Amino acid sequence: MEQIALPLKAGKGPSRIIIGAANGHVADALTNAASWPFRTAVLTGQPRSGKSLFARWFAESGAGDAIDDAQLLEEDAVFHRWNRAQEAGTPLLIIGGEPPWDIRLPDLKSRLGGSLQLEIGLPDDEMARDLLLSLAEERGLPLRSDAADYLIPRAGRSQAELEQLVATIDRLSLERKAPPNLGIWRSALEAVHGPEEPRLI
């Protein structure tokens, strides 16, 4: 399992970023910010895909500045932050939402259009397995490799779905006062994906 440790204080969320086929190119790019066009990169991806974790790692490791959830901000404010970063010669990582990010301000659209474009994709089986086990470990939930062997072929592929699955297993385990077992895994899959899913077979 490849990981990036986050230089964060305890209690501020996940302590690491799991690296795999869906985001390895992002990790590589963030370690080489000097090569970015206009020293700017735009990162998009599905909700819970790790965009904010990358932004926090990038900023707190001293590699540059980051604007998280830029798609929720006034575009004039993002444009001014871009200008300040250019004047200071500081690499700037801008986190957008799901692609495509529709930018209306012409000046901002043209500047960011010429920047490095990065997108986090969906995890493959190997990365999904690592994510599942990492999410369980963060919760102190005892999931072993046999759990991952059963769950990954039947689980959704987005990080949001994997997070929901692990949270549901944790809840059911507490409610039933039992360690996670096959019955709990099946109940969690049914709760997250519905009882008619053929993946439950």
N, C-alpha and C. Protein backbone atom coordinates (compact mmCIF):
# COMPACT_ATOMS: atom_id res chain seq x y z
N MET A 1 0.84 -1.19 0.00
CA MET A 1 0.00 0.00 0.00
C MET A 1 0.88 1.24 0.00
N GLU A 2 0.77 2.08 -1.03
CA GLU A 2 1.50 3.35 -1.05
C GLU A 2 0.67 4.42 -0.37
N GLN A 3 1.34 5.27 0.42
CA GLN A 3 0.63 6.29 1.17
C GLN A 3 1.45 7.57 1.21
N ILE A 4 0.75 8.68 1.43
CA ILE A 4 1.40 9.94 1.77
C ILE A 4 0.93 10.30 3.16
N ALA A 5 1.86 10.44 4.09
CA ALA A 5 1.51 10.85 5.45
C ALA A 5 1.16 12.33 5.44
N LEU A 6 0.10 12.68 6.14
CA LEU A 6 -0.34 14.07 6.21
C LEU A 6 0.23 14.73 7.47
N PRO A 7 0.85 15.91 7.32
CA PRO A 7 1.41 16.60 8.49
C PRO A 7 0.33 17.34 9.24
N LEU A 8 -0.63 16.59 9.80
CA LEU A 8 -1.78 17.20 10.45
C LEU A 8 -1.81 16.84 11.92
N LYS A 9 -2.45 17.68 12.71
CA LYS A 9 -2.63 17.39 14.13
C LYS A 9 -3.69 16.31 14.30
N ALA A 10 -3.61 15.59 15.40
CA ALA A 10 -4.57 14.53 15.68
C ALA A 10 -5.98 15.10 15.71
N GLY A 11 -6.93 14.30 15.20
CA GLY A 11 -8.32 14.71 15.24
C GLY A 11 -8.76 15.54 14.06
N LYS A 12 -7.89 15.76 13.09
CA LYS A 12 -8.25 16.59 11.95
C LYS A 12 -8.58 15.78 10.71
N GLY A 13 -8.91 14.51 10.88
CA GLY A 13 -9.28 13.70 9.73
C GLY A 13 -8.26 12.62 9.46
N PRO A 14 -8.36 11.99 8.28
CA PRO A 14 -7.44 10.89 7.94
C PRO A 14 -5.99 11.33 8.05
N SER A 15 -5.14 10.39 8.45
CA SER A 15 -3.74 10.71 8.68
C SER A 15 -2.87 10.42 7.46
N ARG A 16 -3.48 9.90 6.38
CA ARG A 16 -2.70 9.54 5.20
C ARG A 16 -3.58 9.54 3.96
N ILE A 17 -2.92 9.67 2.83
CA ILE A 17 -3.58 9.55 1.54
C ILE A 17 -3.16 8.22 0.93
N ILE A 18 -4.12 7.42 0.53
CA ILE A 18 -3.82 6.15 -0.13
C ILE A 18 -3.57 6.45 -1.61
N ILE A 19 -2.43 6.00 -2.11
CA ILE A 19 -2.05 6.26 -3.49
C ILE A 19 -2.27 5.01 -4.33
N GLY A 20 -2.89 5.20 -5.50
CA GLY A 20 -3.14 4.09 -6.41
C GLY A 20 -3.28 4.60 -7.83
N ALA A 21 -3.86 3.77 -8.68
CA ALA A 21 -3.96 4.12 -10.10
C ALA A 21 -4.81 5.36 -10.33
N ALA A 22 -5.77 5.63 -9.44
CA ALA A 22 -6.69 6.75 -9.65
C ALA A 22 -6.07 8.10 -9.34
N ASN A 23 -5.03 8.12 -8.48
CA ASN A 23 -4.50 9.41 -8.05
C ASN A 23 -2.97 9.49 -8.03
N GLY A 24 -2.29 8.44 -8.50
CA GLY A 24 -0.84 8.46 -8.49
C GLY A 24 -0.25 9.60 -9.30
N HIS A 25 -0.91 9.92 -10.42
CA HIS A 25 -0.41 11.02 -11.26
C HIS A 25 -0.54 12.36 -10.54
N VAL A 26 -1.55 12.49 -9.66
CA VAL A 26 -1.72 13.72 -8.89
C VAL A 26 -0.58 13.85 -7.87
N ALA A 27 -0.29 12.77 -7.16
CA ALA A 27 0.81 12.79 -6.19
C ALA A 27 2.12 13.16 -6.87
N ASP A 28 2.36 12.59 -8.04
CA ASP A 28 3.60 12.90 -8.76
C ASP A 28 3.66 14.37 -9.15
N ALA A 29 2.54 14.90 -9.65
CA ALA A 29 2.51 16.30 -10.09
C ALA A 29 2.72 17.26 -8.93
N LEU A 30 2.16 16.93 -7.76
CA LEU A 30 2.26 17.84 -6.63
C LEU A 30 3.67 17.89 -6.05
N THR A 31 4.49 16.93 -6.37
CA THR A 31 5.89 16.98 -5.92
C THR A 31 6.78 17.71 -6.92
N ASN A 32 6.20 18.20 -8.00
CA ASN A 32 6.99 18.88 -9.03
C ASN A 32 6.27 20.15 -9.49
N ALA A 33 5.87 20.97 -8.50
CA ALA A 33 5.07 22.16 -8.80
C ALA A 33 5.83 23.18 -9.64
N ALA A 34 7.14 23.16 -9.59
CA ALA A 34 7.91 24.14 -10.36
C ALA A 34 7.71 24.00 -11.86
N SER A 35 7.25 22.83 -12.29
CA SER A 35 7.07 22.59 -13.72
C SER A 35 5.67 22.95 -14.22
N TRP A 36 4.78 23.35 -13.31
CA TRP A 36 3.41 23.63 -13.73
C TRP A 36 3.34 24.88 -14.61
N PRO A 37 2.52 24.89 -15.66
CA PRO A 37 2.29 26.13 -16.40
C PRO A 37 1.72 27.20 -15.48
N PHE A 38 2.31 28.38 -15.50
CA PHE A 38 1.90 29.49 -14.62
C PHE A 38 1.97 29.11 -13.14
N ARG A 39 2.74 28.05 -12.82
CA ARG A 39 2.86 27.57 -11.44
C ARG A 39 1.49 27.30 -10.82
N THR A 40 0.52 26.86 -11.65
CA THR A 40 -0.85 26.63 -11.19
C THR A 40 -1.34 25.27 -11.66
N ALA A 41 -2.03 24.55 -10.77
CA ALA A 41 -2.69 23.30 -11.14
C ALA A 41 -4.12 23.33 -10.64
N VAL A 42 -5.02 22.75 -11.43
CA VAL A 42 -6.44 22.65 -11.08
C VAL A 42 -6.76 21.18 -10.88
N LEU A 43 -7.26 20.83 -9.70
CA LEU A 43 -7.56 19.44 -9.36
C LEU A 43 -9.06 19.26 -9.18
N THR A 44 -9.64 18.32 -9.93
CA THR A 44 -11.06 18.01 -9.82
C THR A 44 -11.23 16.52 -9.54
N GLY A 45 -12.44 16.12 -9.20
CA GLY A 45 -12.74 14.72 -8.92
C GLY A 45 -14.05 14.60 -8.19
N GLN A 46 -14.51 13.37 -8.03
CA GLN A 46 -15.77 13.13 -7.34
C GLN A 46 -15.69 13.52 -5.87
N PRO A 47 -16.84 13.78 -5.24
CA PRO A 47 -16.84 14.06 -3.79
C PRO A 47 -16.17 12.93 -3.01
N ARG A 48 -15.40 13.30 -1.99
CA ARG A 48 -14.72 12.37 -1.09
C ARG A 48 -13.58 11.61 -1.77
N SER A 49 -13.14 12.09 -2.92
CA SER A 49 -12.08 11.37 -3.65
C SER A 49 -10.68 11.71 -3.13
N GLY A 50 -10.58 12.64 -2.20
CA GLY A 50 -9.28 12.98 -1.62
C GLY A 50 -8.71 14.31 -2.08
N LYS A 51 -9.50 15.12 -2.76
CA LYS A 51 -9.01 16.40 -3.25
C LYS A 51 -8.56 17.31 -2.10
N SER A 52 -9.38 17.39 -1.06
CA SER A 52 -9.05 18.26 0.07
C SER A 52 -7.83 17.75 0.82
N LEU A 53 -7.67 16.42 0.90
CA LEU A 53 -6.49 15.86 1.55
C LEU A 53 -5.23 16.27 0.81
N PHE A 54 -5.27 16.19 -0.52
CA PHE A 54 -4.12 16.63 -1.30
C PHE A 54 -3.85 18.12 -1.08
N ALA A 55 -4.90 18.94 -1.03
CA ALA A 55 -4.72 20.38 -0.81
C ALA A 55 -4.06 20.65 0.53
N ARG A 56 -4.50 19.94 1.57
CA ARG A 56 -3.93 20.14 2.90
C ARG A 56 -2.48 19.69 2.94
N TRP A 57 -2.20 18.55 2.33
CA TRP A 57 -0.82 18.08 2.30
C TRP A 57 0.07 19.08 1.55
N PHE A 58 -0.40 19.56 0.39
CA PHE A 58 0.39 20.46 -0.43
C PHE A 58 0.70 21.75 0.33
N ALA A 59 -0.31 22.34 0.97
CA ALA A 59 -0.10 23.60 1.68
C ALA A 59 0.72 23.42 2.95
N GLU A 60 0.39 22.39 3.75
CA GLU A 60 1.04 22.25 5.04
C GLU A 60 2.45 21.70 4.93
N SER A 61 2.78 21.08 3.79
CA SER A 61 4.15 20.62 3.59
C SER A 61 5.05 21.71 3.06
N GLY A 62 4.48 22.89 2.78
CA GLY A 62 5.27 24.01 2.31
C GLY A 62 5.55 24.02 0.82
N ALA A 63 4.86 23.16 0.07
CA ALA A 63 5.10 23.09 -1.38
C ALA A 63 4.50 24.27 -2.12
N GLY A 64 3.48 24.91 -1.53
CA GLY A 64 2.82 26.02 -2.19
C GLY A 64 1.54 26.38 -1.46
N ASP A 65 0.70 27.16 -2.13
CA ASP A 65 -0.59 27.56 -1.56
C ASP A 65 -1.69 26.72 -2.21
N ALA A 66 -2.84 26.63 -1.53
CA ALA A 66 -3.95 25.85 -2.06
C ALA A 66 -5.26 26.56 -1.77
N ILE A 67 -6.18 26.48 -2.72
CA ILE A 67 -7.55 26.98 -2.53
C ILE A 67 -8.48 25.78 -2.62
N ASP A 68 -9.08 25.41 -1.50
CA ASP A 68 -9.99 24.27 -1.49
C ASP A 68 -11.41 24.73 -1.80
N ASP A 69 -12.18 23.84 -2.44
CA ASP A 69 -13.58 24.14 -2.79
C ASP A 69 -13.70 25.47 -3.53
N ALA A 70 -12.82 25.68 -4.48
CA ALA A 70 -12.81 26.95 -5.20
C ALA A 70 -14.10 27.17 -5.98
N GLN A 71 -14.78 26.08 -6.36
CA GLN A 71 -16.02 26.22 -7.12
C GLN A 71 -17.15 26.83 -6.29
N LEU A 72 -16.97 26.87 -4.95
CA LEU A 72 -17.98 27.44 -4.07
C LEU A 72 -17.70 28.90 -3.75
N LEU A 73 -16.54 29.42 -4.16
CA LEU A 73 -16.15 30.79 -3.86
C LEU A 73 -16.55 31.73 -4.98
N GLU A 74 -16.56 33.02 -4.66
CA GLU A 74 -16.75 34.03 -5.72
C GLU A 74 -15.57 33.95 -6.68
N GLU A 75 -15.88 33.94 -7.97
CA GLU A 75 -14.80 33.78 -8.94
C GLU A 75 -13.82 34.94 -8.91
N ASP A 76 -14.30 36.15 -8.57
CA ASP A 76 -13.38 37.29 -8.43
C ASP A 76 -12.35 37.02 -7.34
N ALA A 77 -12.79 36.40 -6.24
CA ALA A 77 -11.87 36.11 -5.14
C ALA A 77 -10.81 35.09 -5.56
N VAL A 78 -11.22 34.08 -6.31
CA VAL A 78 -10.26 33.09 -6.80
C VAL A 78 -9.26 33.75 -7.75
N PHE A 79 -9.76 34.64 -8.60
CA PHE A 79 -8.90 35.34 -9.56
C PHE A 79 -7.87 36.20 -8.83
N HIS A 80 -8.28 36.88 -7.74
CA HIS A 80 -7.34 37.70 -6.98
C HIS A 80 -6.30 36.83 -6.29
N ARG A 81 -6.71 35.68 -5.78
CA ARG A 81 -5.73 34.76 -5.17
C ARG A 81 -4.73 34.28 -6.21
N TRP A 82 -5.20 34.01 -7.42
CA TRP A 82 -4.30 33.59 -8.50
C TRP A 82 -3.30 34.70 -8.80
N ASN A 83 -3.79 35.96 -8.88
CA ASN A 83 -2.90 37.08 -9.15
C ASN A 83 -1.84 37.24 -8.07
N ARG A 84 -2.24 37.09 -6.80
CA ARG A 84 -1.29 37.24 -5.71
C ARG A 84 -0.23 36.14 -5.76
N ALA A 85 -0.66 34.93 -6.09
CA ALA A 85 0.30 33.82 -6.19
C ALA A 85 1.29 34.07 -7.32
N GLN A 86 0.80 34.62 -8.43
CA GLN A 86 1.68 34.93 -9.55
C GLN A 86 2.71 35.99 -9.17
N GLU A 87 2.25 37.03 -8.47
CA GLU A 87 3.16 38.10 -8.06
C GLU A 87 4.22 37.59 -7.09
N ALA A 88 3.83 36.64 -6.22
CA ALA A 88 4.77 36.11 -5.24
C ALA A 88 5.61 34.96 -5.79
N GLY A 89 5.25 34.46 -6.97
CA GLY A 89 5.96 33.31 -7.52
C GLY A 89 5.70 32.02 -6.76
N THR A 90 4.51 31.93 -6.15
CA THR A 90 4.16 30.78 -5.32
C THR A 90 3.31 29.79 -6.11
N PRO A 91 3.67 28.50 -6.14
CA PRO A 91 2.80 27.51 -6.78
C PRO A 91 1.42 27.51 -6.12
N LEU A 92 0.38 27.38 -6.94
CA LEU A 92 -0.99 27.45 -6.43
C LEU A 92 -1.77 26.23 -6.92
N LEU A 93 -2.31 25.47 -5.97
CA LEU A 93 -3.18 24.33 -6.28
C LEU A 93 -4.62 24.76 -6.03
N ILE A 94 -5.43 24.67 -7.07
CA ILE A 94 -6.83 25.08 -6.97
C ILE A 94 -7.71 23.83 -7.06
N ILE A 95 -8.52 23.62 -6.01
CA ILE A 95 -9.39 22.45 -5.94
C ILE A 95 -10.78 22.85 -6.42
N GLY A 96 -11.22 22.24 -7.52
CA GLY A 96 -12.57 22.45 -8.02
C GLY A 96 -13.47 21.30 -7.59
N GLY A 97 -14.67 21.26 -8.14
CA GLY A 97 -15.60 20.18 -7.80
C GLY A 97 -15.48 19.04 -8.79
N GLU A 98 -16.63 18.48 -9.13
CA GLU A 98 -16.64 17.41 -10.12
C GLU A 98 -16.41 18.00 -11.52
N PRO A 99 -15.64 17.34 -12.36
CA PRO A 99 -15.45 17.86 -13.71
C PRO A 99 -16.72 17.64 -14.55
N PRO A 100 -16.98 18.53 -15.52
CA PRO A 100 -16.22 19.74 -15.79
C PRO A 100 -16.63 20.90 -14.88
N TRP A 101 -15.64 21.72 -14.50
CA TRP A 101 -15.89 22.88 -13.66
C TRP A 101 -16.22 24.06 -14.58
N ASP A 102 -17.45 24.55 -14.50
CA ASP A 102 -17.91 25.62 -15.39
C ASP A 102 -17.56 26.97 -14.79
N ILE A 103 -16.54 27.61 -15.33
CA ILE A 103 -16.09 28.93 -14.85
C ILE A 103 -16.65 30.00 -15.78
N ARG A 104 -17.31 30.99 -15.19
CA ARG A 104 -17.98 32.02 -15.99
C ARG A 104 -17.14 33.28 -16.20
N LEU A 105 -16.28 33.60 -15.24
CA LEU A 105 -15.47 34.82 -15.35
C LEU A 105 -14.41 34.62 -16.43
N PRO A 106 -14.46 35.39 -17.52
CA PRO A 106 -13.55 35.14 -18.64
C PRO A 106 -12.08 35.16 -18.26
N ASP A 107 -11.66 36.14 -17.44
CA ASP A 107 -10.24 36.23 -17.06
C ASP A 107 -9.80 34.99 -16.29
N LEU A 108 -10.63 34.55 -15.35
CA LEU A 108 -10.28 33.37 -14.57
C LEU A 108 -10.30 32.12 -15.45
N LYS A 109 -11.28 32.02 -16.32
CA LYS A 109 -11.39 30.85 -17.20
C LYS A 109 -10.16 30.72 -18.09
N SER A 110 -9.69 31.84 -18.63
CA SER A 110 -8.53 31.78 -19.52
C SER A 110 -7.26 31.43 -18.75
N ARG A 111 -7.10 31.98 -17.53
CA ARG A 111 -5.91 31.69 -16.73
C ARG A 111 -5.87 30.23 -16.33
N LEU A 112 -6.99 29.74 -15.81
CA LEU A 112 -7.00 28.36 -15.34
C LEU A 112 -7.02 27.37 -16.49
N GLY A 113 -7.53 27.80 -17.64
CA GLY A 113 -7.51 26.92 -18.81
C GLY A 113 -6.11 26.60 -19.27
N GLY A 114 -5.17 27.50 -19.00
CA GLY A 114 -3.78 27.27 -19.38
C GLY A 114 -2.95 26.62 -18.30
N SER A 115 -3.59 26.26 -17.18
CA SER A 115 -2.88 25.64 -16.07
C SER A 115 -2.88 24.13 -16.22
N LEU A 116 -2.12 23.45 -15.37
CA LEU A 116 -2.10 21.99 -15.37
C LEU A 116 -3.44 21.47 -14.88
N GLN A 117 -4.06 20.57 -15.65
CA GLN A 117 -5.35 20.01 -15.30
C GLN A 117 -5.17 18.60 -14.75
N LEU A 118 -5.64 18.38 -13.53
CA LEU A 118 -5.52 17.09 -12.87
C LEU A 118 -6.91 16.60 -12.45
N GLU A 119 -7.13 15.31 -12.56
CA GLU A 119 -8.42 14.74 -12.15
C GLU A 119 -8.18 13.40 -11.44
N ILE A 120 -8.83 13.23 -10.30
CA ILE A 120 -8.78 11.96 -9.59
C ILE A 120 -9.87 11.06 -10.13
N GLY A 121 -9.50 9.86 -10.57
CA GLY A 121 -10.47 8.93 -11.11
C GLY A 121 -11.01 7.99 -10.04
N LEU A 122 -11.75 6.96 -10.50
CA LEU A 122 -12.28 5.96 -9.58
C LEU A 122 -11.19 4.93 -9.27
N PRO A 123 -11.12 4.45 -8.04
CA PRO A 123 -10.09 3.46 -7.69
C PRO A 123 -10.33 2.12 -8.37
N ASP A 124 -9.25 1.45 -8.74
CA ASP A 124 -9.35 0.09 -9.24
C ASP A 124 -9.47 -0.86 -8.04
N ASP A 125 -9.53 -2.17 -8.30
CA ASP A 125 -9.73 -3.13 -7.22
C ASP A 125 -8.65 -3.04 -6.15
N GLU A 126 -7.41 -2.92 -6.58
CA GLU A 126 -6.30 -2.88 -5.62
C GLU A 126 -6.38 -1.65 -4.74
N MET A 127 -6.63 -0.50 -5.35
CA MET A 127 -6.72 0.72 -4.57
C MET A 127 -7.96 0.72 -3.68
N ALA A 128 -9.09 0.19 -4.20
CA ALA A 128 -10.31 0.12 -3.40
C ALA A 128 -10.09 -0.75 -2.16
N ARG A 129 -9.36 -1.83 -2.33
CA ARG A 129 -9.05 -2.70 -1.20
C ARG A 129 -8.22 -1.96 -0.15
N ASP A 130 -7.19 -1.24 -0.61
CA ASP A 130 -6.37 -0.48 0.32
C ASP A 130 -7.18 0.60 1.03
N LEU A 131 -8.07 1.26 0.28
CA LEU A 131 -8.92 2.28 0.88
C LEU A 131 -9.84 1.69 1.94
N LEU A 132 -10.46 0.56 1.62
CA LEU A 132 -11.38 -0.09 2.55
C LEU A 132 -10.68 -0.41 3.87
N LEU A 133 -9.52 -1.04 3.77
CA LEU A 133 -8.79 -1.42 4.98
C LEU A 133 -8.27 -0.21 5.74
N SER A 134 -7.87 0.83 5.01
CA SER A 134 -7.40 2.06 5.66
C SER A 134 -8.54 2.77 6.39
N LEU A 135 -9.70 2.86 5.74
CA LEU A 135 -10.86 3.49 6.37
C LEU A 135 -11.27 2.73 7.63
N ALA A 136 -11.22 1.40 7.57
CA ALA A 136 -11.54 0.59 8.75
C ALA A 136 -10.52 0.83 9.86
N GLU A 137 -9.25 0.90 9.50
CA GLU A 137 -8.21 1.13 10.50
C GLU A 137 -8.37 2.48 11.17
N GLU A 138 -8.73 3.51 10.40
CA GLU A 138 -8.94 4.84 10.98
C GLU A 138 -10.05 4.81 12.04
N ARG A 139 -11.03 3.94 11.85
CA ARG A 139 -12.15 3.82 12.79
C ARG A 139 -11.86 2.84 13.93
N GLY A 140 -10.74 2.13 13.84
CA GLY A 140 -10.49 1.09 14.80
C GLY A 140 -11.37 -0.13 14.58
N LEU A 141 -11.83 -0.32 13.34
CA LEU A 141 -12.73 -1.42 12.98
C LEU A 141 -11.90 -2.61 12.51
N PRO A 142 -12.04 -3.77 13.14
CA PRO A 142 -11.20 -4.92 12.76
C PRO A 142 -11.68 -5.61 11.49
N LEU A 143 -11.22 -5.13 10.35
CA LEU A 143 -11.50 -5.79 9.07
C LEU A 143 -10.20 -6.41 8.57
N ARG A 144 -10.24 -7.68 8.25
CA ARG A 144 -9.05 -8.38 7.77
C ARG A 144 -9.12 -8.55 6.25
N SER A 145 -8.11 -9.22 5.72
CA SER A 145 -8.05 -9.41 4.28
C SER A 145 -9.21 -10.24 3.75
N ASP A 146 -9.74 -11.18 4.55
CA ASP A 146 -10.88 -11.98 4.07
C ASP A 146 -12.12 -11.12 3.91
N ALA A 147 -12.26 -10.08 4.76
CA ALA A 147 -13.37 -9.14 4.59
C ALA A 147 -13.23 -8.38 3.29
N ALA A 148 -12.03 -7.91 3.01
CA ALA A 148 -11.80 -7.19 1.75
C ALA A 148 -12.04 -8.10 0.55
N ASP A 149 -11.62 -9.37 0.65
CA ASP A 149 -11.84 -10.32 -0.45
C ASP A 149 -13.32 -10.46 -0.77
N TYR A 150 -14.16 -10.44 0.25
CA TYR A 150 -15.60 -10.57 0.05
C TYR A 150 -16.24 -9.26 -0.40
N LEU A 151 -15.84 -8.16 0.22
CA LEU A 151 -16.54 -6.90 0.02
C LEU A 151 -16.18 -6.20 -1.29
N ILE A 152 -14.91 -6.20 -1.66
CA ILE A 152 -14.48 -5.38 -2.80
C ILE A 152 -15.18 -5.76 -4.10
N PRO A 153 -15.35 -7.04 -4.46
CA PRO A 153 -16.07 -7.35 -5.70
C PRO A 153 -17.54 -6.93 -5.68
N ARG A 154 -18.07 -6.67 -4.50
CA ARG A 154 -19.49 -6.37 -4.36
C ARG A 154 -19.75 -4.90 -4.02
N ALA A 155 -18.71 -4.16 -3.71
CA ALA A 155 -18.86 -2.77 -3.25
C ALA A 155 -18.80 -1.80 -4.42
N GLY A 156 -19.32 -0.59 -4.18
CA GLY A 156 -19.19 0.48 -5.16
C GLY A 156 -17.75 0.92 -5.27
N ARG A 157 -17.45 1.63 -6.33
CA ARG A 157 -16.06 1.97 -6.61
C ARG A 157 -15.65 3.36 -6.15
N SER A 158 -16.57 4.22 -5.80
CA SER A 158 -16.17 5.56 -5.37
C SER A 158 -15.74 5.53 -3.91
N GLN A 159 -14.88 6.48 -3.54
CA GLN A 159 -14.46 6.56 -2.14
C GLN A 159 -15.65 6.85 -1.24
N ALA A 160 -16.61 7.65 -1.72
CA ALA A 160 -17.79 7.96 -0.91
C ALA A 160 -18.56 6.68 -0.59
N GLU A 161 -18.70 5.78 -1.56
CA GLU A 161 -19.41 4.52 -1.32
C GLU A 161 -18.63 3.63 -0.36
N LEU A 162 -17.31 3.59 -0.51
CA LEU A 162 -16.50 2.79 0.40
C LEU A 162 -16.57 3.34 1.82
N GLU A 163 -16.56 4.66 1.97
CA GLU A 163 -16.69 5.26 3.29
C GLU A 163 -18.03 4.91 3.91
N GLN A 164 -19.09 4.97 3.10
CA GLN A 164 -20.42 4.64 3.61
C GLN A 164 -20.50 3.17 4.02
N LEU A 165 -19.87 2.30 3.24
CA LEU A 165 -19.88 0.89 3.55
C LEU A 165 -19.17 0.60 4.87
N VAL A 166 -17.99 1.17 5.06
CA VAL A 166 -17.24 0.96 6.30
C VAL A 166 -18.01 1.53 7.49
N ALA A 167 -18.60 2.70 7.32
CA ALA A 167 -19.38 3.30 8.41
C ALA A 167 -20.57 2.42 8.77
N THR A 168 -21.20 1.81 7.78
CA THR A 168 -22.36 0.95 8.03
C THR A 168 -21.95 -0.33 8.73
N ILE A 169 -20.82 -0.92 8.31
CA ILE A 169 -20.30 -2.11 9.00
C ILE A 169 -20.01 -1.78 10.47
N ASP A 170 -19.39 -0.63 10.70
CA ASP A 170 -19.07 -0.20 12.06
C ASP A 170 -20.35 -0.06 12.88
N ARG A 171 -21.36 0.60 12.30
CA ARG A 171 -22.62 0.81 13.03
C ARG A 171 -23.31 -0.52 13.35
N LEU A 172 -23.40 -1.40 12.36
CA LEU A 172 -24.06 -2.69 12.58
C LEU A 172 -23.32 -3.53 13.61
N SER A 173 -21.99 -3.47 13.57
CA SER A 173 -21.20 -4.22 14.52
C SER A 173 -21.47 -3.75 15.95
N LEU A 174 -21.59 -2.43 16.12
CA LEU A 174 -21.90 -1.88 17.45
C LEU A 174 -23.32 -2.23 17.86
N GLU A 175 -24.27 -2.11 16.91
CA GLU A 175 -25.66 -2.41 17.24
C GLU A 175 -25.85 -3.87 17.64
N ARG A 176 -25.17 -4.75 16.95
CA ARG A 176 -25.32 -6.19 17.22
C ARG A 176 -24.35 -6.70 18.28
N LYS A 177 -23.48 -5.81 18.73
CA LYS A 177 -22.49 -6.16 19.75
C LYS A 177 -21.71 -7.41 19.33
N ALA A 178 -21.27 -7.37 18.06
CA ALA A 178 -20.53 -8.50 17.51
C ALA A 178 -19.44 -7.98 16.60
N PRO A 179 -18.32 -8.70 16.52
CA PRO A 179 -17.28 -8.28 15.57
C PRO A 179 -17.79 -8.44 14.14
N PRO A 180 -17.24 -7.66 13.20
CA PRO A 180 -17.70 -7.78 11.81
C PRO A 180 -17.56 -9.21 11.31
N ASN A 181 -18.65 -9.75 10.75
CA ASN A 181 -18.65 -11.10 10.20
C ASN A 181 -19.42 -11.10 8.90
N LEU A 182 -19.56 -12.27 8.29
CA LEU A 182 -20.21 -12.35 6.98
C LEU A 182 -21.62 -11.79 7.01
N GLY A 183 -22.36 -12.09 8.06
CA GLY A 183 -23.72 -11.56 8.15
C GLY A 183 -23.75 -10.05 8.18
N ILE A 184 -22.83 -9.45 8.93
CA ILE A 184 -22.76 -7.99 9.00
C ILE A 184 -22.30 -7.41 7.67
N TRP A 185 -21.33 -8.06 7.02
CA TRP A 185 -20.88 -7.57 5.72
C TRP A 185 -22.04 -7.55 4.73
N ARG A 186 -22.82 -8.63 4.70
CA ARG A 186 -23.95 -8.71 3.76
C ARG A 186 -25.01 -7.67 4.09
N SER A 187 -25.30 -7.49 5.37
CA SER A 187 -26.28 -6.49 5.77
C SER A 187 -25.83 -5.08 5.39
N ALA A 188 -24.54 -4.82 5.54
CA ALA A 188 -24.01 -3.50 5.19
C ALA A 188 -24.10 -3.27 3.68
N LEU A 189 -23.74 -4.27 2.89
CA LEU A 189 -23.86 -4.14 1.44
C LEU A 189 -25.31 -3.89 1.04
N GLU A 190 -26.25 -4.60 1.68
CA GLU A 190 -27.66 -4.41 1.37
C GLU A 190 -28.12 -3.02 1.74
N ALA A 191 -27.66 -2.51 2.90
CA ALA A 191 -28.05 -1.18 3.34
C ALA A 191 -27.53 -0.10 2.40
N VAL A 192 -26.32 -0.30 1.89
CA VAL A 192 -25.70 0.73 1.04
C VAL A 192 -26.18 0.63 -0.40
N HIS A 193 -26.32 -0.59 -0.92
CA HIS A 193 -26.60 -0.76 -2.35
C HIS A 193 -28.00 -1.26 -2.66
N GLY A 194 -28.76 -1.67 -1.65
CA GLY A 194 -30.11 -2.15 -1.87
C GLY A 194 -30.17 -3.68 -1.90
N PRO A 195 -31.30 -4.25 -1.48
CA PRO A 195 -31.40 -5.70 -1.35
C PRO A 195 -31.46 -6.46 -2.67
N GLU A 196 -31.75 -5.77 -3.77
CA GLU A 196 -31.90 -6.46 -5.04
C GLU A 196 -30.61 -6.52 -5.85
N GLU A 197 -29.54 -5.98 -5.28
CA GLU A 197 -28.27 -5.96 -6.02
C GLU A 197 -27.74 -7.37 -6.26
N PRO A 198 -27.45 -7.72 -7.51
CA PRO A 198 -26.89 -9.04 -7.77
C PRO A 198 -25.52 -9.24 -7.13
N ARG A 199 -24.85 -8.14 -6.76
CA ARG A 199 -23.53 -8.24 -6.13
C ARG A 199 -23.58 -8.95 -4.78
N LEU A 200 -24.80 -9.05 -4.19
CA LEU A 200 -24.91 -9.67 -2.87
C LEU A 200 -24.84 -11.19 -2.95
N ILE A 201 -24.98 -11.75 -4.12
CA ILE A 201 -24.97 -13.21 -4.26
C ILE A 201 -23.58 -13.75 -3.99
